[in-house]
Protein backbone atom coordinates (compact mmCIF):
# COMPACT_ATOMS: atom_id res chain seq x y z
CA MET A 1 -0.79 -126.16 291.61
CA LYS A 2 1.97 -128.96 292.93
CA THR A 3 1.61 -131.38 289.96
CA GLU A 4 2.87 -135.08 290.58
CA LEU A 5 5.43 -136.72 288.15
CA SER A 6 6.18 -140.07 287.05
CA ARG A 7 8.24 -142.63 289.13
CA SER A 8 10.78 -142.40 285.36
CA LEU A 9 10.59 -138.39 286.16
CA VAL A 10 11.23 -138.78 289.34
CA ALA A 11 14.56 -141.07 288.90
CA LEU A 12 15.66 -138.53 286.25
CA LEU A 13 15.12 -135.44 289.71
CA VAL A 14 17.12 -137.79 292.24
CA SER A 15 19.72 -138.95 289.26
CA GLY A 16 20.31 -135.06 288.57
CA SER A 17 20.23 -135.98 284.79
CA LEU A 18 16.78 -133.11 283.89
CA LEU A 19 19.52 -131.01 282.59
CA SER A 20 20.43 -133.17 279.12
CA ALA A 21 16.68 -135.10 279.29
CA VAL A 22 14.46 -132.32 279.20
CA PRO A 23 13.50 -132.14 275.14
CA LEU A 24 13.48 -128.17 274.00
CA PRO A 25 9.46 -127.68 273.24
CA ALA A 26 9.10 -128.70 269.44
CA HIS A 27 8.12 -124.82 268.12
CA ALA A 28 9.49 -121.38 269.18
CA VAL A 29 7.03 -120.85 272.60
CA THR A 30 7.05 -118.57 275.14
CA LEU A 31 7.33 -119.97 278.66
CA LEU A 32 8.38 -120.44 281.89
CA THR A 33 8.86 -123.79 283.46
CA ILE A 34 10.61 -125.10 287.17
CA TRP A 35 11.11 -128.45 288.60
CA GLY A 36 12.58 -129.76 291.61
CA GLY A 37 13.58 -133.14 293.24
CA ALA A 38 14.12 -133.82 297.12
CA SER A 39 15.33 -137.78 298.40
CA LEU A 40 16.27 -138.60 301.92
CA GLU A 41 17.50 -141.83 303.33
CA ASP A 42 18.38 -143.80 305.46
CA ASP A 43 19.07 -147.84 306.85
CA ALA A 44 16.13 -148.21 308.94
CA GLY A 45 14.80 -147.80 305.18
CA ASP A 46 12.64 -144.35 306.36
CA THR A 47 12.79 -142.14 303.39
CA PHE A 48 11.40 -138.66 302.10
CA GLY A 49 10.73 -138.40 298.29
CA ASP A 50 9.15 -135.56 296.67
CA SER A 51 8.74 -133.62 293.03
CA PHE A 52 7.49 -130.38 291.89
CA SER A 53 6.67 -129.65 288.05
CA GLN A 54 5.25 -125.83 286.97
CA GLN A 55 4.70 -124.52 283.82
CA ALA A 56 3.24 -121.10 283.07
CA ALA A 57 3.01 -118.70 280.05
CA THR A 58 3.19 -115.14 282.21
CA GLY A 59 5.67 -115.10 285.73
CA PRO A 60 6.95 -115.03 288.38
CA LEU A 61 7.28 -118.66 288.97
CA ALA A 62 7.72 -120.28 292.26
CA TYR A 63 7.48 -123.34 294.46
CA SER A 64 9.48 -125.06 297.00
CA THR A 65 9.98 -128.37 298.98
CA SER A 66 11.55 -129.40 301.87
CA GLY A 67 11.36 -132.83 304.56
CA VAL A 68 12.62 -134.72 307.41
CA ILE A 69 14.03 -138.17 308.46
CA GLN A 70 14.24 -139.24 312.52
CA ALA A 71 16.86 -141.35 313.18
CA GLN A 72 15.92 -144.26 315.55
CA ASP A 73 16.48 -142.10 318.62
CA ALA A 74 13.61 -140.76 317.88
CA SER A 75 17.06 -137.89 316.47
CA THR A 76 16.80 -136.10 313.47
CA ALA A 77 18.64 -137.89 311.07
CA GLY A 78 18.41 -135.58 307.81
CA THR A 79 16.77 -132.63 306.35
CA ILE A 80 16.27 -131.05 302.20
CA SER A 81 15.27 -127.87 301.33
CA VAL A 82 14.57 -126.88 297.27
CA ARG A 83 13.20 -124.01 295.47
CA SER A 84 13.13 -123.40 292.27
CA LYS A 85 12.57 -120.24 290.92
CA ALA A 86 11.48 -118.49 287.39
CA ASN A 87 10.91 -114.58 285.28
CA PHE A 88 12.02 -113.86 282.05
CA GLY A 89 15.44 -112.81 282.52
CA VAL A 90 16.17 -114.48 286.08
CA LEU A 91 16.19 -117.90 286.84
CA GLY A 92 16.64 -119.17 290.76
CA ALA A 93 17.48 -122.63 292.37
CA GLU A 94 18.31 -124.10 295.84
CA SER A 95 19.43 -127.29 297.35
CA THR A 96 20.34 -128.03 301.11
CA VAL A 97 21.53 -131.37 302.09
CA VAL A 98 21.96 -131.67 306.08
CA LEU A 99 22.30 -135.48 307.39
CA PHE A 100 23.18 -136.31 310.90
CA ALA A 101 24.62 -140.14 311.73
CA PRO A 102 24.52 -141.17 315.03
CA GLN A 103 27.84 -144.08 316.07
CA PHE A 104 27.30 -147.24 315.10
CA GLY A 105 27.20 -148.52 311.89
CA ASN A 106 24.21 -145.27 310.51
CA ARG A 107 23.97 -144.85 306.93
CA HIS A 108 22.15 -141.66 305.14
CA ASN A 109 22.25 -139.98 302.22
CA GLY A 110 20.27 -137.23 300.60
CA THR A 111 19.51 -135.86 297.38
CA GLY A 112 18.32 -132.26 296.07
CA ASN A 113 17.69 -131.22 292.67
CA SER A 114 16.31 -127.54 291.24
CA GLU A 115 16.01 -126.60 287.93
CA ALA A 116 14.36 -123.90 286.15
CA PHE A 117 13.56 -122.66 282.80
CA PHE A 118 12.55 -119.47 280.79
CA TYR A 119 12.20 -119.92 277.45
CA ASP A 120 11.12 -117.12 274.51
CA ASP A 121 10.72 -116.67 270.54
CA ILE A 122 13.15 -114.28 268.91
CA THR A 123 13.44 -112.54 265.76
CA ILE A 124 16.35 -109.76 265.08
CA THR A 125 16.40 -108.28 261.88
CA PRO A 126 18.96 -106.69 260.65
CA ASN A 127 18.42 -102.60 259.24
CA ASP A 128 19.65 -103.74 256.19
CA SER A 129 17.65 -105.86 253.98
CA SER A 130 20.33 -107.72 252.29
CA LEU A 131 21.32 -108.97 255.07
CA LEU A 132 17.81 -111.67 255.51
CA GLY A 133 18.91 -114.79 255.90
CA GLN A 134 22.70 -114.57 256.11
CA PRO A 135 23.83 -116.27 259.12
CA GLY A 136 24.87 -114.11 262.51
CA VAL A 137 26.34 -114.60 265.52
CA LEU A 138 24.20 -113.46 268.66
CA ARG A 139 26.58 -112.53 271.55
CA GLY A 140 26.03 -111.76 274.80
CA VAL A 141 26.05 -112.45 278.99
CA LEU A 142 24.68 -114.01 281.68
CA HIS A 143 25.34 -112.94 285.25
CA LEU A 144 25.62 -115.70 287.75
CA THR A 145 25.60 -115.32 291.49
CA GLY A 146 24.97 -117.53 294.27
CA HIS A 147 26.98 -118.97 297.50
CA LEU A 148 27.51 -122.42 298.16
CA VAL A 149 28.24 -123.53 302.15
CA VAL A 150 29.82 -126.63 302.94
CA THR A 151 30.60 -128.43 306.64
CA VAL A 152 31.93 -132.45 307.79
CA GLU A 153 32.42 -133.11 310.59
CA ASN A 154 32.90 -136.44 312.88
CA VAL A 155 33.89 -137.55 316.59
CA PRO A 156 37.66 -138.64 315.60
CA VAL A 157 37.98 -141.83 316.19
CA LEU A 158 40.86 -144.77 315.10
CA PRO A 159 39.81 -146.48 312.23
CA PRO A 160 39.03 -149.59 310.70
CA ASN A 161 36.12 -147.91 313.09
CA PHE A 162 36.28 -143.78 311.65
CA SER A 163 33.00 -142.34 310.54
CA ALA A 164 32.48 -139.51 307.71
CA SER A 165 31.07 -137.42 305.85
CA THR A 166 31.25 -136.92 301.94
CA MET A 167 29.00 -133.67 300.66
CA SER A 168 29.06 -132.55 296.48
CA SER A 169 27.47 -129.79 294.78
CA ALA A 170 27.01 -128.94 291.45
CA TRP A 171 25.75 -126.53 289.45
CA ASP A 172 25.08 -126.18 284.88
CA ALA A 173 23.72 -122.84 283.67
CA THR A 174 22.71 -123.62 279.94
CA ILE A 175 22.12 -121.18 276.62
CA GLN A 176 20.36 -122.00 273.59
CA LEU A 177 19.15 -120.27 270.07
CA SER A 178 17.86 -123.08 267.95
CA ASN A 179 20.08 -125.90 268.06
CA ALA A 180 23.32 -124.32 269.42
CA HIS A 181 24.28 -123.77 272.75
CA SER A 182 26.88 -123.07 275.47
CA ILE A 183 27.05 -124.73 278.65
CA PHE A 184 28.68 -124.03 282.20
CA GLY A 185 29.16 -125.82 285.08
CA SER A 186 31.22 -127.75 287.88
CA GLU A 187 31.22 -129.89 290.89
CA ARG A 188 32.76 -129.60 293.91
CA TRP A 189 33.49 -132.85 296.56
CA PHE A 190 34.29 -132.33 300.36
CA ALA A 191 35.05 -135.12 302.23
CA GLN A 192 36.32 -136.13 305.83
CA GLY A 193 37.72 -138.98 308.12
CA GLN A 194 38.66 -138.40 310.43
CA VAL A 195 38.75 -134.51 311.58
CA LEU A 196 41.76 -132.68 313.67
CA ASN A 197 41.84 -131.93 317.32
CA GLY A 198 37.87 -131.86 316.57
CA ALA A 199 38.77 -128.83 314.40
CA PRO A 200 34.99 -129.26 311.59
CA PRO A 201 36.19 -128.12 307.46
CA VAL A 202 33.79 -125.43 306.11
CA TYR A 203 33.81 -124.31 303.27
CA THR A 204 31.85 -120.62 301.85
CA GLY A 205 31.81 -119.15 299.28
CA PRO A 206 30.48 -117.77 296.24
CA THR A 207 29.18 -120.42 293.58
CA ALA A 208 31.25 -119.34 290.32
CA PRO A 209 32.57 -115.93 288.22
CA THR A 210 30.12 -113.79 288.07
CA ASP A 211 29.97 -113.67 284.15
CA LEU A 212 29.38 -116.57 281.71
CA ILE A 213 29.87 -114.95 278.53
CA PHE A 214 28.64 -116.30 275.17
CA GLU A 215 28.07 -116.61 271.41
CA LEU A 216 25.59 -118.02 269.45
CA PRO A 217 25.22 -118.44 265.34
CA PHE A 218 21.66 -118.17 264.15
CA VAL A 219 20.07 -116.24 260.72
CA LEU A 220 19.65 -112.75 260.52
CA GLY A 221 16.05 -111.86 260.36
CA SER A 222 14.73 -115.63 261.31
CA THR A 223 12.10 -116.16 264.65
CA ALA A 224 15.21 -118.39 266.59
CA GLN A 225 13.51 -120.36 269.83
CA LEU A 226 16.19 -119.07 272.80
CA SER A 227 16.39 -120.68 276.64
CA VAL A 228 18.00 -120.68 279.34
CA GLY A 229 18.07 -122.78 282.66
CA LEU A 230 19.42 -122.96 285.66
CA PHE A 231 20.50 -126.42 287.37
CA VAL A 232 21.69 -126.91 291.08
CA GLN A 233 21.97 -130.28 292.33
CA SER A 234 22.94 -131.10 296.61
CA SER A 235 23.68 -134.08 298.02
CA GLY A 236 25.76 -135.90 300.62
CA ILE A 237 26.71 -139.70 302.11
CA ALA A 238 26.74 -139.91 306.14
CA VAL A 239 28.35 -143.25 307.72
CA SER A 240 28.70 -144.26 311.23
CA GLY A 241 31.06 -146.37 312.67
CA ARG A 242 32.12 -145.45 316.66
CA GLY A 243 31.41 -141.88 315.98
CA ASP A 244 28.47 -139.68 315.19
CA VAL A 245 29.31 -137.66 311.39
CA SER A 246 27.14 -134.92 310.66
CA GLY A 247 27.48 -132.96 307.06
CA SER A 248 25.31 -130.35 304.96
CA VAL A 249 25.48 -128.79 302.13
CA ALA A 250 23.66 -125.82 300.75
CA LEU A 251 24.05 -123.80 297.28
CA PHE A 252 21.65 -121.03 296.05
CA ASP A 253 21.93 -119.80 292.96
CA THR A 254 20.63 -116.92 290.47
CA LEU A 255 20.96 -116.45 286.92
CA GLY A 256 20.26 -113.06 285.81
CA TRP A 257 20.12 -112.30 281.43
CA GLY A 258 22.62 -109.83 280.86
CA GLY A 259 22.65 -108.89 277.93
CA ILE A 260 23.22 -108.68 274.17
CA THR A 261 26.03 -107.27 274.08
CA ALA A 262 27.17 -107.68 270.05
CA ILE A 263 25.07 -108.66 266.85
CA THR A 264 27.23 -109.34 264.32
CA THR A 265 27.59 -111.55 260.41
CA ALA A 266 29.30 -114.94 260.86
CA ASP A 267 32.83 -112.63 260.38
CA GLY A 268 32.24 -110.78 262.73
CA THR A 269 31.35 -107.30 261.07
CA PRO A 270 28.39 -105.59 263.32
CA VAL A 271 25.17 -104.84 262.58
CA ASP A 272 22.47 -102.92 263.38
CA TYR A 273 18.73 -104.66 263.77
CA GLN A 274 15.94 -104.63 265.20
CA LEU A 275 14.64 -107.37 267.90
CA THR A 276 11.01 -108.13 269.15
CA SER A 277 10.40 -111.55 271.49
CA GLY A 278 7.01 -113.46 272.31
CA SER A 279 7.19 -111.99 275.24
CA GLY A 280 7.41 -108.59 274.89
CA VAL A 281 10.38 -108.45 276.90
CA ASP A 282 13.67 -106.12 275.31
CA TRP A 283 16.34 -109.59 275.08
CA THR A 284 18.98 -106.27 274.04
CA GLN A 285 19.15 -105.14 277.85
CA SER A 286 19.97 -106.71 281.32
CA ALA A 287 17.60 -108.07 283.51
CA VAL A 288 18.60 -107.11 286.62
CA ALA A 289 19.19 -110.42 288.67
CA PRO A 290 18.02 -110.12 292.56
CA VAL A 291 20.60 -110.60 295.21
CA PRO A 292 19.07 -114.60 296.56
CA LEU A 293 17.30 -115.04 299.26
CA PRO A 294 19.53 -118.49 300.65
CA GLY A 295 17.73 -117.38 304.27
CA SER A 296 15.62 -121.41 304.14
CA ALA A 297 18.54 -123.17 303.10
CA TRP A 298 20.56 -121.00 306.41
CA LEU A 299 18.24 -122.42 309.01
CA LEU A 300 17.79 -125.59 308.05
CA ILE A 301 22.12 -125.79 307.71
CA THR A 302 22.33 -123.85 311.82
CA GLY A 303 19.15 -125.58 313.16
CA VAL A 304 19.91 -128.97 312.18
CA ALA A 305 23.55 -128.17 312.60
CA ALA A 306 22.46 -128.25 316.68
CA LEU A 307 20.53 -131.19 316.45
CA ALA A 308 23.67 -132.41 315.14
CA ALA A 309 26.61 -131.24 318.05
CA ARG A 310 24.18 -132.08 320.73
CA ALA A 311 23.65 -135.24 319.93
CA GLY A 312 27.13 -135.15 319.30
CA ARG A 313 27.84 -134.38 322.59
CA ARG A 314 25.93 -136.19 324.11
CA ARG A 315 27.05 -139.92 322.65
CA ALA A 316 30.95 -138.55 323.42
CA ALA A 317 29.85 -138.74 327.01
CA LYS A 318 28.36 -142.25 326.85
CA LEU A 319 31.81 -143.27 325.33
CA ASN A 320 34.15 -141.51 327.88
């Protein structure tokens, strides 16, 4: 069931700082967590804002939210879609923002955040009892698959009355074992002032390298808390001068557990071991990560881009 969040948590969702703001549970638990937040705003004061938060001890867990704001002429000014999903070993996060600012001084902006975590308590016991209580190192890999699609477009006019859109995307993947952690991530910006020859720039490509390799220290034979998180953010702003402007950004990622590649002592000596977990998952094995399903994102971009293009042609015709 959908959960209403406090104003402070909504602010965190919109600012994109949840990854560092959400604390680990105080003790070892088995838990799935998803978060999401969406915000759209235009110059007329029309807004859309929504957020969700869910937790469960078993999976899968999934939720999404979406919304629309309208321009003064009743055309679509912005749409947003956010989705999070979580299961032990596989996390998914999607965020799509599409903006259209009609000519003559309109300013529309939007931000979507999506986040998913799984937590589990694990115990790695060495077969050699003399190693109990000694420092160890867990080596493993996470598999990140995903795609980023961005468009920035406007009617070409001369400065200073130009139209422009700026779209950005960011992702973070984290793994933590008790107090040790590794963080992977990147951020990209796409900005456009004038479009030469009316050709809109489009970027489409993979999110990041597939394999995220990590090494985390722990104590052999002691129970430790394993947590893995995935966060994505899409945001943009469209500002119109004498020409219409539109932009879209869609980011959809899946983070899969790639398995434990080795357990060693602190000096790198391999250790034979047994692993137990609170969830019953065998973390020595790889979880098969399904390909993300970007259907909603693709439909959102295609539909609103078409609306923006039609509106742009109408206004361009009026100017002529």
